[in-house]
Amino acid sequence: MANVCGVERVIRIVAGAALVGLTFAGPWTGILYPWGLIGVVPLLTGIVGWCPAYSLFGFGGCRSAE
């Protein structure tokens, strides 16, 4: 069951990919390593469409079809 949809999903994928990309770009490779690890979380939640924190707190970013 998806709880991350639409624009939020795209934003998570782009932001996560940017953070992971910073790890491999430029002279800051060693310095920005933690940002790459942090970027994996929004990247995966955006790809999968499910956020465990949303489930834990009972929040959903998708509108239900009625």
Protein backbone atom coordinates (compact mmCIF):
# COMPACT_ATOMS: atom_id res chain seq x y z
CA MET A 1 0.00 0.00 0.00
CA ALA A 2 1.48 3.34 -1.08
CA ASN A 3 1.57 6.31 1.23
CA VAL A 4 3.89 8.54 -0.84
CA CYS A 5 2.40 9.74 -4.14
CA GLY A 6 2.56 12.36 -6.83
CA VAL A 7 4.76 15.40 -6.50
CA GLU A 8 6.13 14.32 -3.12
CA ARG A 9 7.38 11.09 -4.67
CA VAL A 10 9.19 12.96 -7.45
CA ILE A 11 10.72 15.40 -4.95
CA ARG A 12 11.98 12.52 -2.80
CA ILE A 13 13.59 10.81 -5.80
CA VAL A 14 15.27 13.99 -7.04
CA ALA A 15 16.49 15.06 -3.58
CA GLY A 16 17.75 11.58 -2.74
CA ALA A 17 19.55 11.23 -6.07
CA ALA A 18 21.13 14.67 -5.59
CA LEU A 19 22.44 13.76 -2.13
CA VAL A 20 23.78 10.43 -3.32
CA GLY A 21 25.32 12.16 -6.36
CA LEU A 22 27.15 14.66 -4.14
CA THR A 23 29.01 11.76 -2.58
CA PHE A 24 30.62 10.89 -5.90
CA ALA A 25 31.11 14.41 -7.29
CA GLY A 26 33.93 16.86 -6.92
CA PRO A 27 36.76 17.14 -4.43
CA TRP A 28 34.41 16.66 -1.48
CA THR A 29 34.09 12.90 -1.95
CA GLY A 30 35.23 11.99 1.57
CA ILE A 31 33.60 14.93 3.32
CA LEU A 32 30.07 14.43 1.95
CA TYR A 33 29.93 10.66 2.49
CA PRO A 34 27.29 10.89 5.27
CA TRP A 35 25.01 12.93 2.96
CA GLY A 36 25.08 10.07 0.48
CA LEU A 37 23.91 7.65 3.14
CA ILE A 38 21.17 10.06 4.21
CA GLY A 39 20.13 10.47 0.55
CA VAL A 40 19.44 6.75 0.22
CA VAL A 41 16.37 7.06 2.49
CA PRO A 42 14.34 9.56 0.41
CA LEU A 43 15.52 7.90 -2.79
CA LEU A 44 14.24 4.47 -1.74
CA THR A 45 11.00 5.76 -0.23
CA GLY A 46 10.33 7.69 -3.42
CA ILE A 47 11.02 4.70 -5.66
CA VAL A 48 9.01 2.26 -3.55
CA GLY A 49 6.22 4.74 -2.75
CA TRP A 50 6.04 3.75 0.90
CA CYS A 51 7.47 5.58 3.92
CA PRO A 52 7.75 3.67 7.21
CA ALA A 53 7.59 6.90 9.24
CA TYR A 54 4.26 7.80 7.61
CA SER A 55 2.90 4.38 8.57
CA LEU A 56 4.20 4.72 12.13
CA PHE A 57 2.48 8.08 12.66
CA GLY A 58 -0.64 7.26 10.64
CA PHE A 59 -0.01 9.88 7.98
CA GLY A 60 -0.53 9.33 4.27
CA GLY A 61 0.45 11.56 1.37
CA CYS A 62 -1.94 9.86 -1.07
CA ARG A 63 -5.53 10.79 -1.47
CA SER A 64 -7.83 7.82 -1.34
CA ALA A 65 -10.04 7.18 -4.35
CA GLU A 66 -13.67 7.49 -3.33
